[in-house]
Amino acid sequence: MADGARERREAIRQLADLRSRLAAAEEVLAEAQAASKHAEEAFDAASDRFNAAERVLDAAREDRAQARRDRYAARQAYERASVTADRLARRVRELSDRLDRAAELAGTSPLCPGSPADGD
């Protein structure tokens, strides 16, 4: 019976050791679970900040694209206005010259102030 008692004591010692190791493992598990939860929260916060930054970047890209379209339209309008102004200036000069020549032929003073025949 001594062997049975010894086996029983050994089993009790092993059980106590296993319970102690289980308690330590459960404590490590709880700490790991808390660390995992903290890491998940940190990831979620970082992900939210990243998503917000992406939305801001997308908005900035759209603003830049709109500004590029506006700049192109403004350049086109400037080119059209420049061509129109050049054409009108040429027509004014041509008409002024015609009127000056007509006035010279008629023997009267030019109708356009500042022209060479005006005496300025």
N, C-alpha and C. Protein backbone atom coordinates (compact mmCIF):
# COMPACT_ATOMS: atom_id res chain seq x y z
N MET A 1 0.80 -1.17 0.00
CA MET A 1 0.00 0.00 0.00
C MET A 1 0.86 1.26 0.00
N ALA A 2 2.06 1.11 0.41
CA ALA A 2 2.97 2.24 0.43
C ALA A 2 3.18 2.77 -0.97
N ASP A 3 3.21 1.87 -1.93
CA ASP A 3 3.37 2.31 -3.31
C ASP A 3 2.13 3.08 -3.76
N GLY A 4 0.97 2.66 -3.37
CA GLY A 4 -0.26 3.34 -3.72
C GLY A 4 -0.31 4.72 -3.10
N ALA A 5 0.14 4.83 -1.85
CA ALA A 5 0.15 6.12 -1.17
C ALA A 5 1.16 7.05 -1.83
N ARG A 6 2.29 6.49 -2.18
CA ARG A 6 3.31 7.29 -2.84
C ARG A 6 2.80 7.76 -4.20
N GLU A 7 2.14 6.91 -4.93
CA GLU A 7 1.59 7.28 -6.23
C GLU A 7 0.52 8.36 -6.06
N ARG A 8 -0.26 8.21 -4.99
CA ARG A 8 -1.32 9.21 -4.73
C ARG A 8 -0.69 10.55 -4.40
N ARG A 9 0.35 10.56 -3.54
CA ARG A 9 1.04 11.82 -3.20
C ARG A 9 1.67 12.44 -4.45
N GLU A 10 2.24 11.62 -5.29
CA GLU A 10 2.86 12.11 -6.53
C GLU A 10 1.79 12.70 -7.45
N ALA A 11 0.66 12.04 -7.54
CA ALA A 11 -0.42 12.55 -8.37
C ALA A 11 -0.94 13.88 -7.81
N ILE A 12 -1.03 13.98 -6.47
CA ILE A 12 -1.49 15.23 -5.85
C ILE A 12 -0.47 16.33 -6.11
N ARG A 13 0.81 16.00 -5.99
CA ARG A 13 1.85 16.99 -6.26
C ARG A 13 1.79 17.44 -7.72
N GLN A 14 1.61 16.49 -8.64
CA GLN A 14 1.51 16.82 -10.05
C GLN A 14 0.27 17.67 -10.31
N LEU A 15 -0.83 17.35 -9.65
CA LEU A 15 -2.06 18.13 -9.79
C LEU A 15 -1.84 19.55 -9.30
N ALA A 16 -1.19 19.70 -8.16
CA ALA A 16 -0.90 21.03 -7.61
C ALA A 16 0.00 21.81 -8.57
N ASP A 17 1.01 21.13 -9.12
CA ASP A 17 1.90 21.77 -10.07
C ASP A 17 1.14 22.20 -11.32
N LEU A 18 0.28 21.32 -11.83
CA LEU A 18 -0.51 21.66 -13.02
C LEU A 18 -1.46 22.81 -12.76
N ARG A 19 -2.07 22.82 -11.57
CA ARG A 19 -2.97 23.94 -11.23
C ARG A 19 -2.19 25.24 -11.14
N SER A 20 -1.00 25.18 -10.57
CA SER A 20 -0.16 26.37 -10.48
C SER A 20 0.22 26.85 -11.88
N ARG A 21 0.61 25.92 -12.74
CA ARG A 21 0.97 26.28 -14.11
C ARG A 21 -0.25 26.79 -14.88
N LEU A 22 -1.42 26.20 -14.63
CA LEU A 22 -2.65 26.67 -15.26
C LEU A 22 -2.97 28.09 -14.83
N ALA A 23 -2.84 28.37 -13.54
CA ALA A 23 -3.11 29.72 -13.04
C ALA A 23 -2.15 30.73 -13.68
N ALA A 24 -0.87 30.34 -13.80
CA ALA A 24 0.11 31.23 -14.43
C ALA A 24 -0.24 31.42 -15.91
N ALA A 25 -0.63 30.34 -16.58
CA ALA A 25 -1.00 30.43 -17.99
C ALA A 25 -2.24 31.30 -18.18
N GLU A 26 -3.21 31.16 -17.27
CA GLU A 26 -4.41 31.99 -17.36
C GLU A 26 -4.08 33.46 -17.13
N GLU A 27 -3.13 33.74 -16.24
CA GLU A 27 -2.71 35.12 -16.00
C GLU A 27 -2.01 35.69 -17.24
N VAL A 28 -1.14 34.88 -17.85
CA VAL A 28 -0.47 35.31 -19.08
C VAL A 28 -1.51 35.51 -20.18
N LEU A 29 -2.49 34.61 -20.24
CA LEU A 29 -3.55 34.73 -21.24
C LEU A 29 -4.34 36.02 -21.04
N ALA A 30 -4.66 36.36 -19.81
CA ALA A 30 -5.40 37.59 -19.53
C ALA A 30 -4.58 38.81 -19.93
N GLU A 31 -3.28 38.79 -19.61
CA GLU A 31 -2.40 39.91 -20.00
C GLU A 31 -2.30 40.01 -21.52
N ALA A 32 -2.18 38.85 -22.16
CA ALA A 32 -2.09 38.86 -23.63
C ALA A 32 -3.39 39.35 -24.25
N GLN A 33 -4.51 38.98 -23.64
CA GLN A 33 -5.80 39.44 -24.15
C GLN A 33 -5.93 40.95 -23.98
N ALA A 34 -5.48 41.48 -22.84
CA ALA A 34 -5.52 42.93 -22.62
C ALA A 34 -4.60 43.65 -23.61
N ALA A 35 -3.40 43.08 -23.83
CA ALA A 35 -2.47 43.68 -24.79
C ALA A 35 -3.05 43.62 -26.20
N SER A 36 -3.70 42.51 -26.52
CA SER A 36 -4.32 42.37 -27.84
C SER A 36 -5.43 43.39 -28.02
N LYS A 37 -6.22 43.58 -26.99
CA LYS A 37 -7.31 44.56 -27.06
C LYS A 37 -6.75 45.97 -27.22
N HIS A 38 -5.69 46.28 -26.48
CA HIS A 38 -5.06 47.59 -26.59
C HIS A 38 -4.49 47.78 -28.00
N ALA A 39 -3.83 46.74 -28.53
CA ALA A 39 -3.27 46.82 -29.88
C ALA A 39 -4.38 46.99 -30.92
N GLU A 40 -5.49 46.32 -30.73
CA GLU A 40 -6.63 46.44 -31.66
C GLU A 40 -7.19 47.86 -31.63
N GLU A 41 -7.31 48.42 -30.43
CA GLU A 41 -7.81 49.80 -30.30
C GLU A 41 -6.84 50.78 -30.95
N ALA A 42 -5.54 50.57 -30.73
CA ALA A 42 -4.54 51.45 -31.35
C ALA A 42 -4.61 51.34 -32.88
N PHE A 43 -4.77 50.10 -33.37
CA PHE A 43 -4.88 49.92 -34.81
C PHE A 43 -6.12 50.62 -35.35
N ASP A 44 -7.24 50.46 -34.68
CA ASP A 44 -8.48 51.10 -35.13
C ASP A 44 -8.34 52.62 -35.16
N ALA A 45 -7.69 53.18 -34.13
CA ALA A 45 -7.48 54.63 -34.09
C ALA A 45 -6.58 55.07 -35.24
N ALA A 46 -5.49 54.32 -35.46
CA ALA A 46 -4.59 54.66 -36.55
C ALA A 46 -5.30 54.52 -37.90
N SER A 47 -6.11 53.49 -38.02
CA SER A 47 -6.86 53.29 -39.26
C SER A 47 -7.84 54.44 -39.50
N ASP A 48 -8.50 54.89 -38.45
CA ASP A 48 -9.42 56.03 -38.58
C ASP A 48 -8.67 57.28 -39.01
N ARG A 49 -7.49 57.52 -38.40
CA ARG A 49 -6.70 58.70 -38.79
C ARG A 49 -6.24 58.58 -40.24
N PHE A 50 -5.84 57.37 -40.62
CA PHE A 50 -5.40 57.15 -42.00
C PHE A 50 -6.54 57.40 -42.98
N ASN A 51 -7.71 56.88 -42.67
CA ASN A 51 -8.87 57.08 -43.54
C ASN A 51 -9.23 58.56 -43.65
N ALA A 52 -9.14 59.27 -42.52
CA ALA A 52 -9.41 60.71 -42.56
C ALA A 52 -8.38 61.42 -43.42
N ALA A 53 -7.12 61.03 -43.29
CA ALA A 53 -6.07 61.63 -44.11
C ALA A 53 -6.29 61.33 -45.59
N GLU A 54 -6.73 60.12 -45.89
CA GLU A 54 -7.03 59.78 -47.29
C GLU A 54 -8.16 60.64 -47.84
N ARG A 55 -9.18 60.88 -47.01
CA ARG A 55 -10.30 61.73 -47.47
C ARG A 55 -9.80 63.15 -47.72
N VAL A 56 -8.96 63.66 -46.83
CA VAL A 56 -8.40 65.01 -47.03
C VAL A 56 -7.55 65.04 -48.29
N LEU A 57 -6.75 64.00 -48.49
CA LEU A 57 -5.91 63.93 -49.69
C LEU A 57 -6.77 63.85 -50.95
N ASP A 58 -7.81 63.05 -50.90
CA ASP A 58 -8.72 62.97 -52.06
C ASP A 58 -9.36 64.32 -52.36
N ALA A 59 -9.76 65.02 -51.31
CA ALA A 59 -10.36 66.35 -51.50
C ALA A 59 -9.33 67.32 -52.08
N ALA A 60 -8.10 67.25 -51.58
CA ALA A 60 -7.04 68.12 -52.11
C ALA A 60 -6.75 67.80 -53.57
N ARG A 61 -6.77 66.53 -53.91
CA ARG A 61 -6.55 66.15 -55.31
C ARG A 61 -7.67 66.69 -56.20
N GLU A 62 -8.90 66.60 -55.72
CA GLU A 62 -10.03 67.13 -56.49
C GLU A 62 -9.92 68.64 -56.62
N ASP A 63 -9.52 69.32 -55.53
CA ASP A 63 -9.34 70.78 -55.60
C ASP A 63 -8.27 71.14 -56.62
N ARG A 64 -7.17 70.37 -56.61
CA ARG A 64 -6.10 70.64 -57.56
C ARG A 64 -6.58 70.39 -58.99
N ALA A 65 -7.33 69.33 -59.20
CA ALA A 65 -7.84 69.04 -60.54
C ALA A 65 -8.78 70.15 -61.01
N GLN A 66 -9.63 70.64 -60.09
CA GLN A 66 -10.53 71.74 -60.45
C GLN A 66 -9.73 73.00 -60.76
N ALA A 67 -8.71 73.27 -59.94
CA ALA A 67 -7.87 74.45 -60.19
C ALA A 67 -7.16 74.33 -61.54
N ARG A 68 -6.74 73.12 -61.89
CA ARG A 68 -6.10 72.90 -63.19
C ARG A 68 -7.09 73.17 -64.32
N ARG A 69 -8.32 72.69 -64.17
CA ARG A 69 -9.34 72.96 -65.20
C ARG A 69 -9.63 74.45 -65.30
N ASP A 70 -9.74 75.11 -64.14
CA ASP A 70 -9.99 76.56 -64.13
C ASP A 70 -8.84 77.32 -64.78
N ARG A 71 -7.60 76.90 -64.46
CA ARG A 71 -6.43 77.55 -65.06
C ARG A 71 -6.45 77.39 -66.58
N TYR A 72 -6.77 76.20 -67.03
CA TYR A 72 -6.83 75.95 -68.48
C TYR A 72 -7.89 76.84 -69.13
N ALA A 73 -9.06 76.91 -68.50
CA ALA A 73 -10.15 77.74 -69.04
C ALA A 73 -9.73 79.21 -69.05
N ALA A 74 -9.06 79.67 -67.99
CA ALA A 74 -8.61 81.06 -67.94
C ALA A 74 -7.58 81.35 -69.02
N ARG A 75 -6.68 80.40 -69.24
CA ARG A 75 -5.69 80.59 -70.31
C ARG A 75 -6.36 80.65 -71.68
N GLN A 76 -7.35 79.79 -71.88
CA GLN A 76 -8.07 79.80 -73.15
C GLN A 76 -8.81 81.13 -73.34
N ALA A 77 -9.45 81.60 -72.28
CA ALA A 77 -10.17 82.88 -72.36
C ALA A 77 -9.20 84.02 -72.64
N TYR A 78 -8.03 83.98 -72.00
CA TYR A 78 -7.02 85.01 -72.24
C TYR A 78 -6.56 84.99 -73.69
N GLU A 79 -6.31 83.80 -74.21
CA GLU A 79 -5.88 83.69 -75.61
C GLU A 79 -6.94 84.23 -76.55
N ARG A 80 -8.21 83.88 -76.31
CA ARG A 80 -9.29 84.39 -77.17
C ARG A 80 -9.38 85.91 -77.06
N ALA A 81 -9.29 86.44 -75.84
CA ALA A 81 -9.37 87.90 -75.66
C ALA A 81 -8.19 88.59 -76.33
N SER A 82 -7.01 87.98 -76.24
CA SER A 82 -5.82 88.56 -76.87
C SER A 82 -5.96 88.60 -78.38
N VAL A 83 -6.46 87.52 -78.95
CA VAL A 83 -6.67 87.48 -80.40
C VAL A 83 -7.71 88.52 -80.80
N THR A 84 -8.78 88.63 -80.03
CA THR A 84 -9.83 89.61 -80.33
C THR A 84 -9.29 91.03 -80.22
N ALA A 85 -8.51 91.30 -79.15
CA ALA A 85 -7.95 92.64 -78.97
C ALA A 85 -6.98 92.98 -80.11
N ASP A 86 -6.15 92.03 -80.50
CA ASP A 86 -5.22 92.27 -81.62
C ASP A 86 -5.98 92.55 -82.90
N ARG A 87 -7.01 91.75 -83.16
CA ARG A 87 -7.81 91.94 -84.38
C ARG A 87 -8.49 93.31 -84.37
N LEU A 88 -9.07 93.69 -83.22
CA LEU A 88 -9.75 94.99 -83.15
C LEU A 88 -8.76 96.14 -83.26
N ALA A 89 -7.57 96.01 -82.65
CA ALA A 89 -6.56 97.07 -82.76
C ALA A 89 -6.14 97.24 -84.22
N ARG A 90 -5.98 96.10 -84.91
CA ARG A 90 -5.61 96.17 -86.33
C ARG A 90 -6.73 96.85 -87.13
N ARG A 91 -7.97 96.53 -86.85
CA ARG A 91 -9.09 97.15 -87.57
C ARG A 91 -9.18 98.64 -87.27
N VAL A 92 -8.91 99.03 -86.00
CA VAL A 92 -8.92 100.45 -85.64
C VAL A 92 -7.84 101.19 -86.43
N ARG A 93 -6.62 100.60 -86.47
CA ARG A 93 -5.54 101.24 -87.23
C ARG A 93 -5.90 101.37 -88.71
N GLU A 94 -6.44 100.28 -89.26
CA GLU A 94 -6.80 100.30 -90.68
C GLU A 94 -7.86 101.35 -90.97
N LEU A 95 -8.89 101.39 -90.12
CA LEU A 95 -9.96 102.36 -90.35
C LEU A 95 -9.46 103.78 -90.13
N SER A 96 -8.62 103.97 -89.12
CA SER A 96 -8.05 105.29 -88.87
C SER A 96 -7.22 105.75 -90.06
N ASP A 97 -6.42 104.84 -90.60
CA ASP A 97 -5.61 105.18 -91.78
C ASP A 97 -6.50 105.52 -92.96
N ARG A 98 -7.57 104.77 -93.15
CA ARG A 98 -8.48 105.05 -94.27
C ARG A 98 -9.13 106.42 -94.11
N LEU A 99 -9.54 106.72 -92.87
CA LEU A 99 -10.18 108.02 -92.65
C LEU A 99 -9.19 109.16 -92.85
N ASP A 100 -7.94 108.94 -92.37
CA ASP A 100 -6.92 109.98 -92.57
C ASP A 100 -6.66 110.22 -94.05
N ARG A 101 -6.56 109.14 -94.81
CA ARG A 101 -6.33 109.28 -96.26
C ARG A 101 -7.51 109.98 -96.94
N ALA A 102 -8.71 109.61 -96.50
CA ALA A 102 -9.90 110.24 -97.09
C ALA A 102 -9.92 111.72 -96.75
N ALA A 103 -9.52 112.09 -95.55
CA ALA A 103 -9.51 113.50 -95.16
C ALA A 103 -8.45 114.25 -95.94
N GLU A 104 -7.29 113.62 -96.15
CA GLU A 104 -6.23 114.27 -96.92
C GLU A 104 -6.69 114.51 -98.37
N LEU A 105 -7.35 113.52 -98.91
CA LEU A 105 -7.83 113.67 -100.28
C LEU A 105 -8.90 114.75 -100.38
N ALA A 106 -9.69 114.89 -99.34
CA ALA A 106 -10.75 115.90 -99.36
C ALA A 106 -10.22 117.26 -98.95
N GLY A 107 -8.97 117.30 -98.45
CA GLY A 107 -8.38 118.56 -98.07
C GLY A 107 -8.83 119.06 -96.72
N THR A 108 -9.32 118.18 -95.86
CA THR A 108 -9.75 118.58 -94.52
C THR A 108 -8.80 117.96 -93.50
N SER A 109 -8.98 118.37 -92.25
CA SER A 109 -8.12 117.81 -91.20
C SER A 109 -8.58 116.38 -90.87
N PRO A 110 -7.67 115.60 -90.38
CA PRO A 110 -8.02 114.20 -90.07
C PRO A 110 -9.06 114.13 -88.95
N LEU A 111 -9.86 113.09 -89.02
CA LEU A 111 -10.89 112.89 -88.01
C LEU A 111 -10.35 112.23 -86.75
N CYS A 112 -9.18 111.64 -86.83
CA CYS A 112 -8.63 110.90 -85.69
C CYS A 112 -7.56 111.73 -85.02
N PRO A 113 -7.83 112.18 -83.78
CA PRO A 113 -6.81 112.95 -83.06
C PRO A 113 -5.57 112.10 -82.85
N GLY A 114 -4.43 112.74 -82.89
CA GLY A 114 -3.18 112.04 -82.65
C GLY A 114 -2.57 111.44 -83.88
N SER A 115 -3.25 111.53 -85.02
CA SER A 115 -2.67 110.99 -86.24
C SER A 115 -1.67 112.00 -86.77
N PRO A 116 -0.75 111.60 -87.63
CA PRO A 116 0.31 112.52 -88.11
C PRO A 116 -0.25 113.76 -88.83
N ALA A 117 -1.36 113.66 -89.47
CA ALA A 117 -1.91 114.80 -90.19
C ALA A 117 -2.65 115.75 -89.26
N ASP A 118 -2.79 115.39 -87.97
CA ASP A 118 -3.53 116.19 -87.02
C ASP A 118 -2.68 117.33 -86.50
N GLY A 119 -1.37 117.27 -86.67
CA GLY A 119 -0.50 118.34 -86.25
C GLY A 119 0.03 118.11 -84.85
N ASP A 120 -0.20 117.02 -84.24
CA ASP A 120 0.33 116.74 -82.90
C ASP A 120 1.77 116.36 -82.95
